[in-house]
Amino acid sequence: MCRILLITPSTNGYEQRITRTLTDMGHDVAWIDERLGNSFFIKFITRTGFIRLLRPAILSHLKNIFKKIAEFSPDVLLVINPETLRGPEFKALKSAAAGIPIVVYKWDSTTRKPLDEDTIQAATKVYSFDPVDCRKESRIHHLPLFHTNASSPHVEHP
C-alpha cells in the first residue's frame, strides 16, 4: 500500500479513527495536527480569520509539517478539513513536497469554510461531502462524508 501523512485538526478523536482505519487497510500512516493548537482561543481565532495575525506562528507550524514530511517520506499528503492552512501555505506545501500528491477533503461546506483558488490549484485532488460545493466548482469531487470500507474496499492513489 502507501505511506500517508494525515494532516487534519484534532477533532473528537476522528484523527485517531481515520489513522486506525487507514492502517487497518494496510497503509503506513503518520498524523500531524493541522491547527496550531486545540485551545478555545486558537479555535476561535482560526475560525474567525484572526489567525492570519499570527503569521509567524503559522510559518513555524508549517516548518513542523515540512519536518514531518522529511522524516516520514509519505507517498500522499491527505489534508482533511483545513482551517489553518490556506492558499499561501498550500503553495509552500506543494513546493516542499514536490512530486507528492496532495489530497484535500472538506467535511464542512465551502460556504461555511471556503477554499481559496491557491489551495485548489496546489492540491492534486479536492473532495467534498457537499454535492452543492461540487456543482459550484468542477474541480471539487463528491465523496460522501460517511462511508465504510465495504462500500469503498480500496484507496486509490491520486
Protein backbone atom coordinates (compact mmCIF):
# COMPACT_ATOMS: atom_id res chain seq x y z
CA MET A 1 0.00 0.00 0.00
CA CYS A 2 1.30 3.52 0.62
CA ARG A 3 2.62 5.91 3.24
CA ILE A 4 0.05 8.58 4.09
CA LEU A 5 0.74 11.74 6.05
CA LEU A 6 -2.61 12.72 7.53
CA ILE A 7 -2.85 16.46 8.21
CA THR A 8 -6.09 17.25 9.96
CA PRO A 9 -7.34 19.12 13.02
CA SER A 10 -7.69 17.08 16.17
CA THR A 11 -11.48 16.76 16.34
CA ASN A 12 -13.35 14.40 18.66
CA GLY A 13 -10.77 11.67 18.09
CA TYR A 14 -11.58 11.46 14.36
CA GLU A 15 -7.90 11.77 13.52
CA GLN A 16 -7.25 8.61 15.55
CA ARG A 17 -10.11 6.72 13.91
CA ILE A 18 -9.05 7.78 10.42
CA THR A 19 -5.45 6.78 11.17
CA ARG A 20 -6.58 3.41 12.54
CA THR A 21 -8.85 2.73 9.54
CA LEU A 22 -6.15 3.60 7.02
CA THR A 23 -3.67 1.45 8.96
CA ASP A 24 -6.18 -1.44 9.02
CA MET A 25 -6.40 -1.09 5.23
CA GLY A 26 -2.65 -1.74 5.06
CA HIS A 27 -1.29 1.81 4.80
CA ASP A 28 1.54 3.25 6.87
CA VAL A 29 0.08 6.43 8.40
CA ALA A 30 1.51 9.33 10.36
CA TRP A 31 -0.61 12.21 11.68
CA ILE A 32 0.13 15.86 12.38
CA ASP A 33 -2.36 18.39 13.69
CA GLU A 34 -3.37 20.92 11.06
CA ARG A 35 -4.12 23.53 13.72
CA LEU A 36 -1.65 25.44 15.86
CA GLY A 37 -3.41 24.01 18.90
CA ASN A 38 -6.78 22.99 20.26
CA SER A 39 -7.46 25.58 22.92
CA PHE A 40 -10.66 27.61 22.73
CA PHE A 41 -8.57 30.68 21.87
CA ILE A 42 -6.78 29.03 18.92
CA LYS A 43 -10.03 27.57 17.57
CA PHE A 44 -11.74 30.96 17.91
CA ILE A 45 -9.06 33.00 16.14
CA THR A 46 -8.71 30.33 13.44
CA ARG A 47 -12.42 30.20 12.65
CA THR A 48 -12.87 33.97 12.74
CA GLY A 49 -9.91 34.61 10.45
CA PHE A 50 -7.79 36.38 13.05
CA ILE A 51 -5.25 33.54 12.82
CA ARG A 52 -3.71 35.47 9.92
CA LEU A 53 -2.44 37.94 12.53
CA LEU A 54 -0.25 35.14 13.90
CA ARG A 55 1.66 34.67 10.64
CA PRO A 56 4.98 33.84 12.40
CA ALA A 57 3.25 31.07 14.35
CA ILE A 58 1.68 29.70 11.15
CA LEU A 59 5.07 29.70 9.42
CA SER A 60 6.63 27.91 12.39
CA HIS A 61 3.84 25.30 12.28
CA LEU A 62 4.36 24.89 8.54
CA LYS A 63 8.05 24.19 9.20
CA ASN A 64 6.95 21.43 11.62
CA ILE A 65 4.84 19.94 8.82
CA PHE A 66 7.82 20.13 6.43
CA LYS A 67 9.95 18.36 9.05
CA LYS A 68 7.32 15.62 9.40
CA ILE A 69 7.29 15.20 5.59
CA ALA A 70 11.09 14.86 5.55
CA GLU A 71 11.10 12.35 8.43
CA PHE A 72 8.17 10.21 7.23
CA SER A 73 8.68 10.39 3.44
CA PRO A 74 4.99 9.97 2.58
CA ASP A 75 3.60 8.85 -0.76
CA VAL A 76 0.48 11.01 -0.23
CA LEU A 77 -0.45 14.04 1.87
CA LEU A 78 -4.08 13.76 2.98
CA VAL A 79 -5.33 17.10 4.30
CA ILE A 80 -8.77 16.87 5.85
CA ASN A 81 -10.80 19.96 6.65
CA PRO A 82 -8.02 22.56 6.58
CA GLU A 83 -8.57 25.57 8.82
CA THR A 84 -5.10 26.99 9.47
CA LEU A 85 -3.51 26.10 6.15
CA ARG A 86 -4.70 28.34 3.32
CA GLY A 87 -3.52 29.18 -0.18
CA PRO A 88 -0.05 30.53 0.67
CA GLU A 89 0.66 27.59 2.97
CA PHE A 90 -0.61 25.09 0.38
CA LYS A 91 1.64 26.65 -2.26
CA ALA A 92 4.60 26.26 0.12
CA LEU A 93 3.49 22.72 0.96
CA LYS A 94 3.32 21.81 -2.73
CA SER A 95 6.80 23.19 -3.24
CA ALA A 96 8.26 21.43 -0.19
CA ALA A 97 6.57 18.15 -1.06
CA ALA A 98 7.36 18.24 -4.77
CA GLY A 99 6.08 15.14 -6.50
CA ILE A 100 3.92 14.04 -3.56
CA PRO A 101 0.18 14.14 -4.32
CA ILE A 102 -1.84 16.43 -2.04
CA VAL A 103 -5.41 15.32 -1.47
CA VAL A 104 -7.76 17.77 0.27
CA TYR A 105 -11.07 16.64 1.76
CA LYS A 106 -13.66 19.09 3.10
CA TRP A 107 -16.16 17.84 5.62
CA ASP A 108 -17.56 21.35 6.05
CA SER A 109 -19.35 23.14 3.26
CA THR A 110 -17.29 25.74 1.42
CA THR A 111 -19.99 28.28 2.26
CA ARG A 112 -19.04 27.77 5.90
CA LYS A 113 -15.29 27.28 5.40
CA PRO A 114 -14.22 28.43 1.93
CA LEU A 115 -11.38 27.03 -0.14
CA ASP A 116 -9.31 29.61 -1.98
CA GLU A 117 -8.02 29.30 -5.54
CA ASP A 118 -4.42 28.70 -4.44
CA THR A 119 -5.48 25.76 -2.27
CA ILE A 120 -7.45 24.18 -5.10
CA GLN A 121 -4.58 24.69 -7.54
CA ALA A 122 -1.97 23.28 -5.13
CA ALA A 123 -3.99 20.15 -4.48
CA THR A 124 -3.77 17.12 -6.73
CA LYS A 125 -7.41 16.31 -5.92
CA VAL A 126 -10.06 18.10 -3.85
CA TYR A 127 -13.07 16.28 -2.43
CA SER A 128 -16.12 17.46 -0.50
CA PHE A 129 -19.03 15.72 1.17
CA ASP A 130 -21.27 18.53 -0.12
CA PRO A 131 -22.74 17.94 -3.58
CA VAL A 132 -23.57 21.66 -3.83
CA ASP A 133 -19.85 22.51 -3.49
CA CYS A 134 -19.12 20.04 -6.27
CA ARG A 135 -21.75 21.55 -8.58
CA LYS A 136 -20.42 25.08 -7.95
CA GLU A 137 -16.77 24.14 -8.56
CA SER A 138 -15.97 21.42 -11.10
CA ARG A 139 -12.51 20.80 -9.58
CA ILE A 140 -14.13 19.62 -6.34
CA HIS A 141 -15.21 15.97 -6.49
CA HIS A 142 -18.00 14.48 -4.41
CA LEU A 143 -17.14 11.93 -1.73
CA PRO A 144 -19.81 11.23 0.91
CA LEU A 145 -18.87 12.14 4.46
CA PHE A 146 -19.79 8.75 5.87
CA HIS A 147 -18.82 5.57 4.11
CA THR A 148 -17.42 2.22 5.08
CA ASN A 149 -14.68 0.01 3.77
CA ALA A 150 -17.42 -2.27 2.44
CA SER A 151 -18.60 0.46 0.07
CA SER A 152 -15.04 1.53 -0.76
CA PRO A 153 -12.78 -1.50 -0.48
CA HIS A 154 -9.62 0.18 -1.74
CA VAL A 155 -7.88 3.51 -1.58
CA GLU A 156 -6.98 4.95 -4.95
CA HIS A 157 -3.65 6.63 -5.26
CA PRO A 158 -4.40 10.08 -6.74
